[in-house]
Amino acid sequence: MAYKITDDCISCGACAAECPVGCISEGDGKYVINADECLDCGSCAGACPVSAPVADE
């Protein structure tokens, strides 16, 4: 199950820098995760200062 980034995102880019497969990119007003490439590792969630990346259930 992939992660998603909530509207709490402050567009700091910390999550993108931590993603081991590079599936996070800057979107319109917040970063977005390509669900097809996400490994569900949680690295992005650990790096985010506002806990915006969450498991997409």
PDB file of N, CA and C in Angstrom:
ATOM      1  N   MET A   1       0.848  -1.179   0.000  1.00  0.00           N
ATOM      2  CA  MET A   1       0.000   0.000   0.000  1.00  0.00           C
ATOM      3  C   MET A   1       0.893   1.241   0.000  1.00  0.00           C
ATOM      4  N   ALA A   2       0.687   2.120  -0.896  1.00  0.00           N
ATOM      5  CA  ALA A   2       1.512   3.319  -1.056  1.00  0.00           C
ATOM      6  C   ALA A   2       1.182   4.381  -0.014  1.00  0.00           C
ATOM      7  N   TYR A   3       2.114   5.297   0.139  1.00  0.00           N
ATOM      8  CA  TYR A   3       1.882   6.465   0.985  1.00  0.00           C
ATOM      9  C   TYR A   3       1.265   7.560   0.132  1.00  0.00           C
ATOM     10  N   LYS A   4       0.627   8.516   0.788  1.00  0.00           N
ATOM     11  CA  LYS A   4       0.115   9.708   0.118  1.00  0.00           C
ATOM     12  C   LYS A   4       0.501  10.905   0.984  1.00  0.00           C
ATOM     13  N   ILE A   5       0.497  12.080   0.413  1.00  0.00           N
ATOM     14  CA  ILE A   5       0.845  13.291   1.140  1.00  0.00           C
ATOM     15  C   ILE A   5      -0.414  14.120   1.329  1.00  0.00           C
ATOM     16  N   THR A   6      -0.702  14.433   2.582  1.00  0.00           N
ATOM     17  CA  THR A   6      -1.916  15.180   2.908  1.00  0.00           C
ATOM     18  C   THR A   6      -1.727  16.672   2.633  1.00  0.00           C
ATOM     19  N   ASP A   7      -2.807  17.416   2.799  1.00  0.00           N
ATOM     20  CA  ASP A   7      -2.779  18.862   2.594  1.00  0.00           C
ATOM     21  C   ASP A   7      -1.968  19.590   3.664  1.00  0.00           C
ATOM     22  N   ASP A   8      -1.486  18.871   4.675  1.00  0.00           N
ATOM     23  CA  ASP A   8      -0.635  19.477   5.702  1.00  0.00           C
ATOM     24  C   ASP A   8       0.756  19.799   5.164  1.00  0.00           C
ATOM     25  N   CYS A   9       1.090  19.313   3.967  1.00  0.00           N
ATOM     26  CA  CYS A   9       2.403  19.506   3.354  1.00  0.00           C
ATOM     27  C   CYS A   9       2.760  20.989   3.271  1.00  0.00           C
ATOM     28  N   ILE A  10       4.008  21.305   3.661  1.00  0.00           N
ATOM     29  CA  ILE A  10       4.492  22.689   3.597  1.00  0.00           C
ATOM     30  C   ILE A  10       5.500  22.874   2.458  1.00  0.00           C
ATOM     31  N   SER A  11       5.605  21.891   1.572  1.00  0.00           N
ATOM     32  CA  SER A  11       6.474  21.935   0.392  1.00  0.00           C
ATOM     33  C   SER A  11       7.944  22.189   0.716  1.00  0.00           C
ATOM     34  N   CYS A  12       8.431  21.553   1.777  1.00  0.00           N
ATOM     35  CA  CYS A  12       9.832  21.746   2.164  1.00  0.00           C
ATOM     36  C   CYS A  12      10.776  20.826   1.393  1.00  0.00           C
ATOM     37  N   GLY A  13      10.256  19.703   0.879  1.00  0.00           N
ATOM     38  CA  GLY A  13      11.071  18.788   0.094  1.00  0.00           C
ATOM     39  C   GLY A  13      11.823  17.742   0.887  1.00  0.00           C
ATOM     40  N   ALA A  14      11.680  17.734   2.195  1.00  0.00           N
ATOM     41  CA  ALA A  14      12.393  16.755   3.026  1.00  0.00           C
ATOM     42  C   ALA A  14      12.026  15.326   2.649  1.00  0.00           C
ATOM     43  N   CYS A  15      10.793  15.080   2.331  1.00  0.00           N
ATOM     44  CA  CYS A  15      10.338  13.733   1.983  1.00  0.00           C
ATOM     45  C   CYS A  15      10.969  13.257   0.679  1.00  0.00           C
ATOM     46  N   ALA A  16      11.031  14.153  -0.307  1.00  0.00           N
ATOM     47  CA  ALA A  16      11.594  13.793  -1.610  1.00  0.00           C
ATOM     48  C   ALA A  16      13.061  13.420  -1.486  1.00  0.00           C
ATOM     49  N   ALA A  17      13.786  14.122  -0.627  1.00  0.00           N
ATOM     50  CA  ALA A  17      15.207  13.848  -0.438  1.00  0.00           C
ATOM     51  C   ALA A  17      15.444  12.484   0.206  1.00  0.00           C
ATOM     52  N   GLU A  18      14.494  11.997   0.977  1.00  0.00           N
ATOM     53  CA  GLU A  18      14.644  10.726   1.683  1.00  0.00           C
ATOM     54  C   GLU A  18      14.120   9.522   0.904  1.00  0.00           C
ATOM     55  N   CYS A  19      13.348   9.734  -0.140  1.00  0.00           N
ATOM     56  CA  CYS A  19      12.740   8.617  -0.878  1.00  0.00           C
ATOM     57  C   CYS A  19      13.819   7.815  -1.625  1.00  0.00           C
ATOM     58  N   PRO A  20      13.939   6.510  -1.317  1.00  0.00           N
ATOM     59  CA  PRO A  20      14.982   5.698  -1.950  1.00  0.00           C
ATOM     60  C   PRO A  20      14.742   5.402  -3.430  1.00  0.00           C
ATOM     61  N   VAL A  21      13.516   5.556  -3.906  1.00  0.00           N
ATOM     62  CA  VAL A  21      13.223   5.271  -5.312  1.00  0.00           C
ATOM     63  C   VAL A  21      12.843   6.515  -6.107  1.00  0.00           C
ATOM     64  N   GLY A  22      12.861   7.675  -5.461  1.00  0.00           N
ATOM     65  CA  GLY A  22      12.592   8.930  -6.150  1.00  0.00           C
ATOM     66  C   GLY A  22      11.179   9.081  -6.679  1.00  0.00           C
ATOM     67  N   CYS A  23      10.210   8.561  -5.947  1.00  0.00           N
ATOM     68  CA  CYS A  23       8.828   8.622  -6.448  1.00  0.00           C
ATOM     69  C   CYS A  23       8.056   9.843  -5.940  1.00  0.00           C
ATOM     70  N   ILE A  24       8.740  10.758  -5.250  1.00  0.00           N
ATOM     71  CA  ILE A  24       8.089  11.961  -4.732  1.00  0.00           C
ATOM     72  C   ILE A  24       8.551  13.162  -5.538  1.00  0.00           C
ATOM     73  N   SER A  25       7.584  13.946  -5.993  1.00  0.00           N
ATOM     74  CA  SER A  25       7.915  15.130  -6.778  1.00  0.00           C
ATOM     75  C   SER A  25       7.068  16.312  -6.332  1.00  0.00           C
ATOM     76  N   GLU A  26       7.517  17.505  -6.703  1.00  0.00           N
ATOM     77  CA  GLU A  26       6.790  18.717  -6.342  1.00  0.00           C
ATOM     78  C   GLU A  26       5.545  18.836  -7.205  1.00  0.00           C
ATOM     79  N   GLY A  27       4.416  18.980  -6.544  1.00  0.00           N
ATOM     80  CA  GLY A  27       3.151  19.112  -7.255  1.00  0.00           C
ATOM     81  C   GLY A  27       2.625  20.531  -7.136  1.00  0.00           C
ATOM     82  N   ASP A  28       1.358  20.701  -7.360  1.00  0.00           N
ATOM     83  CA  ASP A  28       0.719  22.009  -7.306  1.00  0.00           C
ATOM     84  C   ASP A  28       0.381  22.355  -5.853  1.00  0.00           C
ATOM     85  N   GLY A  29       1.272  23.044  -5.171  1.00  0.00           N
ATOM     86  CA  GLY A  29       1.024  23.458  -3.797  1.00  0.00           C
ATOM     87  C   GLY A  29       1.492  22.481  -2.742  1.00  0.00           C
ATOM     88  N   LYS A  30       1.830  21.268  -3.125  1.00  0.00           N
ATOM     89  CA  LYS A  30       2.351  20.276  -2.193  1.00  0.00           C
ATOM     90  C   LYS A  30       3.078  19.198  -2.976  1.00  0.00           C
ATOM     91  N   TYR A  31       3.865  18.409  -2.276  1.00  0.00           N
ATOM     92  CA  TYR A  31       4.554  17.298  -2.932  1.00  0.00           C
ATOM     93  C   TYR A  31       3.582  16.139  -3.131  1.00  0.00           C
ATOM     94  N   VAL A  32       3.858  15.314  -4.126  1.00  0.00           N
ATOM     95  CA  VAL A  32       2.987  14.173  -4.431  1.00  0.00           C
ATOM     96  C   VAL A  32       3.830  12.910  -4.572  1.00  0.00           C
ATOM     97  N   ILE A  33       3.208  11.782  -4.297  1.00  0.00           N
ATOM     98  CA  ILE A  33       3.863  10.481  -4.379  1.00  0.00           C
ATOM     99  C   ILE A  33       3.259   9.685  -5.523  1.00  0.00           C
ATOM    100  N   ASN A  34       4.111   9.138  -6.385  1.00  0.00           N
ATOM    101  CA  ASN A  34       3.657   8.253  -7.448  1.00  0.00           C
ATOM    102  C   ASN A  34       3.387   6.890  -6.805  1.00  0.00           C
ATOM    103  N   ALA A  35       2.125   6.544  -6.636  1.00  0.00           N
ATOM    104  CA  ALA A  35       1.738   5.323  -5.936  1.00  0.00           C
ATOM    105  C   ALA A  35       2.246   4.059  -6.623  1.00  0.00           C
ATOM    106  N   ASP A  36       2.422   4.099  -7.931  1.00  0.00           N
ATOM    107  CA  ASP A  36       2.891   2.923  -8.660  1.00  0.00           C
ATOM    108  C   ASP A  36       4.353   2.607  -8.367  1.00  0.00           C
ATOM    109  N   GLU A  37       5.118   3.608  -7.929  1.00  0.00           N
ATOM    110  CA  GLU A  37       6.540   3.425  -7.646  1.00  0.00           C
ATOM    111  C   GLU A  37       6.854   3.331  -6.155  1.00  0.00           C
ATOM    112  N   CYS A  38       5.931   3.735  -5.304  1.00  0.00           N
ATOM    113  CA  CYS A  38       6.142   3.768  -3.851  1.00  0.00           C
ATOM    114  C   CYS A  38       6.356   2.362  -3.301  1.00  0.00           C
ATOM    115  N   LEU A  39       7.417   2.215  -2.475  1.00  0.00           N
ATOM    116  CA  LEU A  39       7.738   0.927  -1.858  1.00  0.00           C
ATOM    117  C   LEU A  39       7.072   0.727  -0.506  1.00  0.00           C
ATOM    118  N   ASP A  40       6.358   1.726  -0.020  1.00  0.00           N
ATOM    119  CA  ASP A  40       5.706   1.670   1.285  1.00  0.00           C
ATOM    120  C   ASP A  40       6.730   1.511   2.410  1.00  0.00           C
ATOM    121  N   CYS A  41       7.891   2.158   2.253  1.00  0.00           N
ATOM    122  CA  CYS A  41       8.967   2.012   3.243  1.00  0.00           C
ATOM    123  C   CYS A  41       8.817   2.964   4.426  1.00  0.00           C
ATOM    124  N   GLY A  42       8.120   4.083   4.235  1.00  0.00           N
ATOM    125  CA  GLY A  42       7.902   5.028   5.319  1.00  0.00           C
ATOM    126  C   GLY A  42       9.023   6.031   5.538  1.00  0.00           C
ATOM    127  N   SER A  43      10.053   6.023   4.695  1.00  0.00           N
ATOM    128  CA  SER A  43      11.155   6.973   4.849  1.00  0.00           C
ATOM    129  C   SER A  43      10.661   8.413   4.779  1.00  0.00           C
ATOM    130  N   CYS A  44       9.714   8.666   3.916  1.00  0.00           N
ATOM    131  CA  CYS A  44       9.171  10.018   3.754  1.00  0.00           C
ATOM    132  C   CYS A  44       8.468  10.486   5.028  1.00  0.00           C
ATOM    133  N   ALA A  45       7.727   9.604   5.643  1.00  0.00           N
ATOM    134  CA  ALA A  45       6.989   9.956   6.857  1.00  0.00           C
ATOM    135  C   ALA A  45       7.943  10.312   7.987  1.00  0.00           C
ATOM    136  N   GLY A  46       9.058   9.602   8.072  1.00  0.00           N
ATOM    137  CA  GLY A  46      10.031   9.879   9.114  1.00  0.00           C
ATOM    138  C   GLY A  46      10.770  11.181   8.911  1.00  0.00           C
ATOM    139  N   ALA A  47      10.882  11.634   7.669  1.00  0.00           N
ATOM    140  CA  ALA A  47      11.624  12.854   7.360  1.00  0.00           C
ATOM    141  C   ALA A  47      10.769  14.116   7.429  1.00  0.00           C
ATOM    142  N   CYS A  48       9.475  13.974   7.338  1.00  0.00           N
ATOM    143  CA  CYS A  48       8.575  15.123   7.253  1.00  0.00           C
ATOM    144  C   CYS A  48       8.390  15.817   8.604  1.00  0.00           C
ATOM    145  N   PRO A  49       8.622  17.135   8.661  1.00  0.00           N
ATOM    146  CA  PRO A  49       8.455  17.866   9.929  1.00  0.00           C
ATOM    147  C   PRO A  49       6.997  18.078  10.344  1.00  0.00           C
ATOM    148  N   VAL A  50       6.054  17.867   9.422  1.00  0.00           N
ATOM    149  CA  VAL A  50       4.636  18.095   9.750  1.00  0.00           C
ATOM    150  C   VAL A  50       3.790  16.826   9.599  1.00  0.00           C
ATOM    151  N   SER A  51       4.436  15.673   9.436  1.00  0.00           N
ATOM    152  CA  SER A  51       3.739  14.380   9.320  1.00  0.00           C
ATOM    153  C   SER A  51       2.725  14.333   8.193  1.00  0.00           C
ATOM    154  N   ALA A  52       3.052  14.954   7.056  1.00  0.00           N
ATOM    155  CA  ALA A  52       2.127  14.969   5.919  1.00  0.00           C
ATOM    156  C   ALA A  52       2.039  13.624   5.182  1.00  0.00           C
ATOM    157  N   PRO A  53       3.141  12.880   5.011  1.00  0.00           N
ATOM    158  CA  PRO A  53       3.015  11.568   4.345  1.00  0.00           C
ATOM    159  C   PRO A  53       2.359  10.548   5.283  1.00  0.00           C
ATOM    160  N   VAL A  54       1.301   9.907   4.796  1.00  0.00           N
ATOM    161  CA  VAL A  54       0.598   8.891   5.588  1.00  0.00           C
ATOM    162  C   VAL A  54       0.316   7.679   4.699  1.00  0.00           C
ATOM    163  N   ALA A  55       0.156   6.528   5.329  1.00  0.00           N
ATOM    164  CA  ALA A  55      -0.178   5.323   4.582  1.00  0.00           C
ATOM    165  C   ALA A  55      -1.558   5.475   3.971  1.00  0.00           C
ATOM    166  N   ASP A  56      -1.684   5.218   2.691  1.00  0.00           N
ATOM    167  CA  ASP A  56      -2.953   5.351   1.976  1.00  0.00           C
ATOM    168  C   ASP A  56      -3.737   4.053   2.157  1.00  0.00           C
ATOM    169  N   GLU A  57      -4.799   4.140   2.917  1.00  0.00           N
ATOM    170  CA  GLU A  57      -5.575   2.927   3.235  1.00  0.00           C
ATOM    171  C   GLU A  57      -6.771   2.750   2.382  1.00  0.00           C
TER     172      GLU A  57
END
